């Protein structure tokens, strides 16, 4: 799994291991939308917020995914 994740540009060894640990059982989310909410990549419904994405997120994963992008 680590080698597969490392084949994605921007994902190194540490990032791959963190992704595996934090997303161990992906079936627990049920839908892709719930996983996006967990990651903090869901757009905010309020236009007045600074970031445009929800403030609730996994404190490890969202920064890693943003940096990798």
C-alpha atoms as a PDB file:
ATOM      1  CA  UNK A   1       0.000   0.000   0.000  1.00  0.00           C
ATOM      2  CA  UNK A   2       2.850   2.381   0.820  1.00  0.00           C
ATOM      3  CA  UNK A   3       4.482   1.781  -2.571  1.00  0.00           C
ATOM      4  CA  UNK A   4       1.176   2.399  -4.334  1.00  0.00           C
ATOM      5  CA  UNK A   5       0.637   5.694  -2.510  1.00  0.00           C
ATOM      6  CA  UNK A   6       4.243   6.757  -3.115  1.00  0.00           C
ATOM      7  CA  UNK A   7       3.665   6.374  -6.847  1.00  0.00           C
ATOM      8  CA  UNK A   8       1.425   9.461  -6.617  1.00  0.00           C
ATOM      9  CA  UNK A   9       3.439  12.629  -7.295  1.00  0.00           C
ATOM     10  CA  UNK A  10       3.856  14.664  -4.106  1.00  0.00           C
ATOM     11  CA  UNK A  11       3.350  11.723  -1.718  1.00  0.00           C
ATOM     12  CA  UNK A  12       6.492  10.582   0.090  1.00  0.00           C
ATOM     13  CA  UNK A  13       7.116   7.838   2.619  1.00  0.00           C
ATOM     14  CA  UNK A  14       5.908   9.815   5.641  1.00  0.00           C
ATOM     15  CA  UNK A  15       2.784  11.097   3.887  1.00  0.00           C
ATOM     16  CA  UNK A  16       1.902   7.594   2.656  1.00  0.00           C
ATOM     17  CA  UNK A  17       2.213   6.142   6.156  1.00  0.00           C
ATOM     18  CA  UNK A  18       0.094   8.905   7.672  1.00  0.00           C
ATOM     19  CA  UNK A  19      -2.604   8.379   5.041  1.00  0.00           C
ATOM     20  CA  UNK A  20      -2.688   4.652   5.769  1.00  0.00           C
ATOM     21  CA  UNK A  21      -2.872   5.140   9.542  1.00  0.00           C
ATOM     22  CA  UNK A  22      -5.560   7.832   9.426  1.00  0.00           C
ATOM     23  CA  UNK A  23      -7.725   6.161   6.753  1.00  0.00           C
ATOM     24  CA  UNK A  24      -7.364   2.557   7.980  1.00  0.00           C
ATOM     25  CA  UNK A  25     -10.923   1.417   7.315  1.00  0.00           C
ATOM     26  CA  UNK A  26     -12.339   3.475   4.448  1.00  0.00           C
ATOM     27  CA  UNK A  27     -15.634   1.546   4.519  1.00  0.00           C
ATOM     28  CA  UNK A  28     -16.533   3.342   7.763  1.00  0.00           C
ATOM     29  CA  UNK A  29     -17.320   6.488   5.768  1.00  0.00           C
ATOM     30  CA  UNK A  30     -20.077   4.926   3.679  1.00  0.00           C
ATOM     31  CA  UNK A  31     -19.917   7.589   0.965  1.00  0.00           C
ATOM     32  CA  UNK A  32     -17.203   9.640  -0.695  1.00  0.00           C
ATOM     33  CA  UNK A  33     -18.860  12.807   0.641  1.00  0.00           C
ATOM     34  CA  UNK A  34     -18.391  11.663   4.230  1.00  0.00           C
ATOM     35  CA  UNK A  35     -14.730  10.951   3.573  1.00  0.00           C
ATOM     36  CA  UNK A  36     -14.307  14.414   2.030  1.00  0.00           C
ATOM     37  CA  UNK A  37     -15.863  15.926   5.145  1.00  0.00           C
ATOM     38  CA  UNK A  38     -13.456  13.954   7.346  1.00  0.00           C
ATOM     39  CA  UNK A  39     -10.510  15.206   5.308  1.00  0.00           C
ATOM     40  CA  UNK A  40     -11.774  18.783   5.459  1.00  0.00           C
ATOM     41  CA  UNK A  41     -11.983  19.183   1.697  1.00  0.00           C
ATOM     42  CA  UNK A  42     -15.700  19.966   1.564  1.00  0.00           C
ATOM     43  CA  UNK A  43     -16.646  23.501   0.467  1.00  0.00           C
ATOM     44  CA  UNK A  44     -18.192  25.717   3.106  1.00  0.00           C
ATOM     45  CA  UNK A  45     -21.817  26.747   2.705  1.00  0.00           C
ATOM     46  CA  UNK A  46     -21.112  30.207   4.116  1.00  0.00           C
ATOM     47  CA  UNK A  47     -19.648  32.746   1.706  1.00  0.00           C
ATOM     48  CA  UNK A  48     -18.251  34.891   4.527  1.00  0.00           C
ATOM     49  CA  UNK A  49     -15.578  32.387   5.573  1.00  0.00           C
ATOM     50  CA  UNK A  50     -11.992  33.086   4.556  1.00  0.00           C
ATOM     51  CA  UNK A  51     -10.918  29.693   3.240  1.00  0.00           C
ATOM     52  CA  UNK A  52     -14.009  28.544   1.392  1.00  0.00           C
ATOM     53  CA  UNK A  53     -13.652  25.064   2.926  1.00  0.00           C
ATOM     54  CA  UNK A  54     -15.011  23.801   6.216  1.00  0.00           C
ATOM     55  CA  UNK A  55     -13.007  24.496   9.354  1.00  0.00           C
ATOM     56  CA  UNK A  56     -13.585  21.024  10.829  1.00  0.00           C
ATOM     57  CA  UNK A  57     -11.006  18.614   9.496  1.00  0.00           C
ATOM     58  CA  UNK A  58      -8.466  15.979  10.354  1.00  0.00           C
ATOM     59  CA  UNK A  59      -5.491  17.998  11.575  1.00  0.00           C
ATOM     60  CA  UNK A  60      -2.969  15.626   9.977  1.00  0.00           C
ATOM     61  CA  UNK A  61      -4.484  14.822   6.608  1.00  0.00           C
ATOM     62  CA  UNK A  62      -5.690  18.117   5.148  1.00  0.00           C
ATOM     63  CA  UNK A  63      -2.302  19.873   5.372  1.00  0.00           C
ATOM     64  CA  UNK A  64      -0.573  16.828   3.864  1.00  0.00           C
ATOM     65  CA  UNK A  65      -3.019  16.645   0.968  1.00  0.00           C
ATOM     66  CA  UNK A  66      -2.783  20.393   0.327  1.00  0.00           C
ATOM     67  CA  UNK A  67       1.026  20.278   0.366  1.00  0.00           C
ATOM     68  CA  UNK A  68       1.083  17.250  -1.935  1.00  0.00           C
ATOM     69  CA  UNK A  69      -1.192  18.985  -4.424  1.00  0.00           C
END
